[in-house]
Amino acid sequence: MADQKLADRNCTSEAAALEDGAARSMLQDLNEWEITGDGEAIERRFTFKGFLKAVEMANLAAWLGNKQDHHPDIRFGFGYCEVRFTTHDAGGLSENDFICAAKLDALVA
């Protein structure tokens, strides 16, 4: 399963915390995502020309999180939507965060 694309995988309930090197390696497969300063989450800021697209993006991220049972933190306002994934049970980043980010990238591509 290691060669299966992240966007084609599904989140699991047994996700373990990733080592920093593994997280940085997985980050290379994502589009415009960054690891937060504390290293415990990944986030991406999507920008738009108005408010409605930002709301739609927030709804899409919420829908995906619900479908994968891995819920992001979402902030949005006029012209932007910020999505952040972390795995609280693992105490930081897990493969689930990267799976959801890749799935979200695929949905907006």
C-alpha atoms as a PDB file:
ATOM      1  CA  MET A   1       0.000   0.000   0.000  1.00  0.00           C
ATOM      2  CA  ALA A   2       3.017   2.279   0.332  1.00  0.00           C
ATOM      3  CA  ASP A   3       2.985   3.006  -3.407  1.00  0.00           C
ATOM      4  CA  GLN A   4      -0.740   3.828  -3.438  1.00  0.00           C
ATOM      5  CA  LYS A   5      -1.351   7.567  -3.885  1.00  0.00           C
ATOM      6  CA  LEU A   6      -2.367   9.404  -0.724  1.00  0.00           C
ATOM      7  CA  ALA A   7      -5.610  10.630  -2.302  1.00  0.00           C
ATOM      8  CA  ASP A   8      -6.627   7.014  -2.989  1.00  0.00           C
ATOM      9  CA  ARG A   9      -6.221   5.899   0.627  1.00  0.00           C
ATOM     10  CA  ASN A  10      -8.704   6.222   3.479  1.00  0.00           C
ATOM     11  CA  CYS A  11      -8.118   7.328   7.049  1.00  0.00           C
ATOM     12  CA  THR A  12      -7.787   4.664   9.731  1.00  0.00           C
ATOM     13  CA  SER A  13      -8.572   4.757  13.424  1.00  0.00           C
ATOM     14  CA  GLU A  14      -5.116   3.412  14.383  1.00  0.00           C
ATOM     15  CA  ALA A  15      -3.072   6.289  12.971  1.00  0.00           C
ATOM     16  CA  ALA A  16       0.259   6.717  14.748  1.00  0.00           C
ATOM     17  CA  ALA A  17       2.300   9.902  14.990  1.00  0.00           C
ATOM     18  CA  LEU A  18       4.810  10.391  12.187  1.00  0.00           C
ATOM     19  CA  GLU A  19       8.496  11.118  12.666  1.00  0.00           C
ATOM     20  CA  ASP A  20       9.493  14.568  11.390  1.00  0.00           C
ATOM     21  CA  GLY A  21      11.362  13.147   8.392  1.00  0.00           C
ATOM     22  CA  ALA A  22       8.409  11.008   7.332  1.00  0.00           C
ATOM     23  CA  ALA A  23       6.051  13.978   7.619  1.00  0.00           C
ATOM     24  CA  ARG A  24       8.337  16.200   5.529  1.00  0.00           C
ATOM     25  CA  SER A  25       8.620  13.466   2.916  1.00  0.00           C
ATOM     26  CA  MET A  26       4.830  13.115   2.670  1.00  0.00           C
ATOM     27  CA  LEU A  27       4.485  16.893   2.443  1.00  0.00           C
ATOM     28  CA  GLN A  28       6.263  16.792  -0.923  1.00  0.00           C
ATOM     29  CA  ASP A  29       3.240  14.963  -2.380  1.00  0.00           C
ATOM     30  CA  LEU A  30       0.905  17.842  -1.479  1.00  0.00           C
ATOM     31  CA  ASN A  31       0.131  21.121  -3.207  1.00  0.00           C
ATOM     32  CA  GLU A  32       0.833  24.287  -1.157  1.00  0.00           C
ATOM     33  CA  TRP A  33       0.449  22.668   2.267  1.00  0.00           C
ATOM     34  CA  GLU A  34       2.855  23.593   5.065  1.00  0.00           C
ATOM     35  CA  ILE A  35       3.792  22.047   8.372  1.00  0.00           C
ATOM     36  CA  THR A  36       2.946  24.427  11.201  1.00  0.00           C
ATOM     37  CA  GLY A  37       5.688  25.969  13.312  1.00  0.00           C
ATOM     38  CA  ASP A  38       5.057  23.549  16.183  1.00  0.00           C
ATOM     39  CA  GLY A  39       5.201  20.586  13.773  1.00  0.00           C
ATOM     40  CA  GLU A  40       1.860  19.235  14.964  1.00  0.00           C
ATOM     41  CA  ALA A  41      -0.351  20.072  11.975  1.00  0.00           C
ATOM     42  CA  ILE A  42      -0.416  20.811   8.267  1.00  0.00           C
ATOM     43  CA  GLU A  43      -2.314  23.744   6.851  1.00  0.00           C
ATOM     44  CA  ARG A  44      -3.148  25.414   3.580  1.00  0.00           C
ATOM     45  CA  ARG A  45      -4.652  28.791   2.760  1.00  0.00           C
ATOM     46  CA  PHE A  46      -6.954  28.817  -0.258  1.00  0.00           C
ATOM     47  CA  THR A  47      -7.680  32.235  -1.765  1.00  0.00           C
ATOM     48  CA  PHE A  48     -10.687  33.361  -3.779  1.00  0.00           C
ATOM     49  CA  LYS A  49     -12.139  36.534  -5.252  1.00  0.00           C
ATOM     50  CA  GLY A  50     -15.174  36.625  -3.001  1.00  0.00           C
ATOM     51  CA  PHE A  51     -16.960  35.250   0.033  1.00  0.00           C
ATOM     52  CA  LEU A  52     -19.146  32.535  -1.519  1.00  0.00           C
ATOM     53  CA  LYS A  53     -16.211  30.494  -2.858  1.00  0.00           C
ATOM     54  CA  ALA A  54     -14.583  30.622   0.581  1.00  0.00           C
ATOM     55  CA  VAL A  55     -17.795  29.288   2.145  1.00  0.00           C
ATOM     56  CA  GLU A  56     -17.971  26.540  -0.483  1.00  0.00           C
ATOM     57  CA  MET A  57     -14.370  25.560   0.289  1.00  0.00           C
ATOM     58  CA  ALA A  58     -15.109  25.441   4.016  1.00  0.00           C
ATOM     59  CA  ASN A  59     -18.128  23.224   3.327  1.00  0.00           C
ATOM     60  CA  LEU A  60     -16.066  20.951   1.074  1.00  0.00           C
ATOM     61  CA  ALA A  61     -13.373  20.546   3.750  1.00  0.00           C
ATOM     62  CA  ALA A  62     -16.065  19.848   6.365  1.00  0.00           C
ATOM     63  CA  TRP A  63     -17.758  17.286   4.100  1.00  0.00           C
ATOM     64  CA  LEU A  64     -14.437  15.515   3.471  1.00  0.00           C
ATOM     65  CA  GLY A  65     -13.574  15.496   7.170  1.00  0.00           C
ATOM     66  CA  ASN A  66     -16.949  13.991   7.995  1.00  0.00           C
ATOM     67  CA  LYS A  67     -16.625  11.359   5.265  1.00  0.00           C
ATOM     68  CA  GLN A  68     -13.131  10.341   6.486  1.00  0.00           C
ATOM     69  CA  ASP A  69     -14.005  10.782  10.191  1.00  0.00           C
ATOM     70  CA  HIS A  70     -10.972  13.069  10.430  1.00  0.00           C
ATOM     71  CA  HIS A  71     -12.165  16.612  10.999  1.00  0.00           C
ATOM     72  CA  PRO A  72     -10.075  19.679  10.144  1.00  0.00           C
ATOM     73  CA  ASP A  73      -9.958  23.060  11.785  1.00  0.00           C
ATOM     74  CA  ILE A  74     -11.387  25.560   9.304  1.00  0.00           C
ATOM     75  CA  ARG A  75     -11.212  29.370   9.230  1.00  0.00           C
ATOM     76  CA  PHE A  76     -12.684  31.444   6.461  1.00  0.00           C
ATOM     77  CA  GLY A  77     -13.688  34.946   5.547  1.00  0.00           C
ATOM     78  CA  PHE A  78     -13.935  37.152   2.496  1.00  0.00           C
ATOM     79  CA  GLY A  79     -11.545  35.767  -0.091  1.00  0.00           C
ATOM     80  CA  TYR A  80      -9.886  32.993   1.940  1.00  0.00           C
ATOM     81  CA  CYS A  81     -10.340  29.615   3.597  1.00  0.00           C
ATOM     82  CA  GLU A  82      -7.670  28.088   5.835  1.00  0.00           C
ATOM     83  CA  VAL A  83      -7.745  24.346   6.476  1.00  0.00           C
ATOM     84  CA  ARG A  84      -5.622  22.646   9.129  1.00  0.00           C
ATOM     85  CA  PHE A  85      -5.307  18.916   9.803  1.00  0.00           C
ATOM     86  CA  THR A  86      -3.809  17.320  12.908  1.00  0.00           C
ATOM     87  CA  THR A  87      -4.336  14.014  14.694  1.00  0.00           C
ATOM     88  CA  HIS A  88      -5.138  14.812  18.313  1.00  0.00           C
ATOM     89  CA  ASP A  89      -5.103  11.150  19.405  1.00  0.00           C
ATOM     90  CA  ALA A  90      -1.580  10.716  18.007  1.00  0.00           C
ATOM     91  CA  GLY A  91      -0.365  13.987  19.511  1.00  0.00           C
ATOM     92  CA  GLY A  92       0.603  15.500  16.176  1.00  0.00           C
ATOM     93  CA  LEU A  93       0.783  14.562  12.530  1.00  0.00           C
ATOM     94  CA  SER A  94      -0.287  11.170  11.228  1.00  0.00           C
ATOM     95  CA  GLU A  95      -0.772   9.714   7.778  1.00  0.00           C
ATOM     96  CA  ASN A  96      -4.489  10.595   8.116  1.00  0.00           C
ATOM     97  CA  ASP A  97      -3.646  14.304   7.909  1.00  0.00           C
ATOM     98  CA  PHE A  98      -1.795  13.844   4.631  1.00  0.00           C
ATOM     99  CA  ILE A  99      -4.508  11.581   3.221  1.00  0.00           C
ATOM    100  CA  CYS A 100      -7.167  14.223   3.873  1.00  0.00           C
ATOM    101  CA  ALA A 101      -4.999  17.016   2.481  1.00  0.00           C
ATOM    102  CA  ALA A 102      -4.353  14.998  -0.693  1.00  0.00           C
ATOM    103  CA  LYS A 103      -8.049  14.197  -1.052  1.00  0.00           C
ATOM    104  CA  LEU A 104      -8.922  17.880  -0.646  1.00  0.00           C
ATOM    105  CA  ASP A 105      -6.309  18.826  -3.255  1.00  0.00           C
ATOM    106  CA  ALA A 106      -7.829  16.278  -5.648  1.00  0.00           C
ATOM    107  CA  LEU A 107     -11.329  17.662  -5.091  1.00  0.00           C
ATOM    108  CA  VAL A 108     -10.297  21.218  -5.952  1.00  0.00           C
ATOM    109  CA  ALA A 109      -7.954  20.333  -8.842  1.00  0.00           C
END
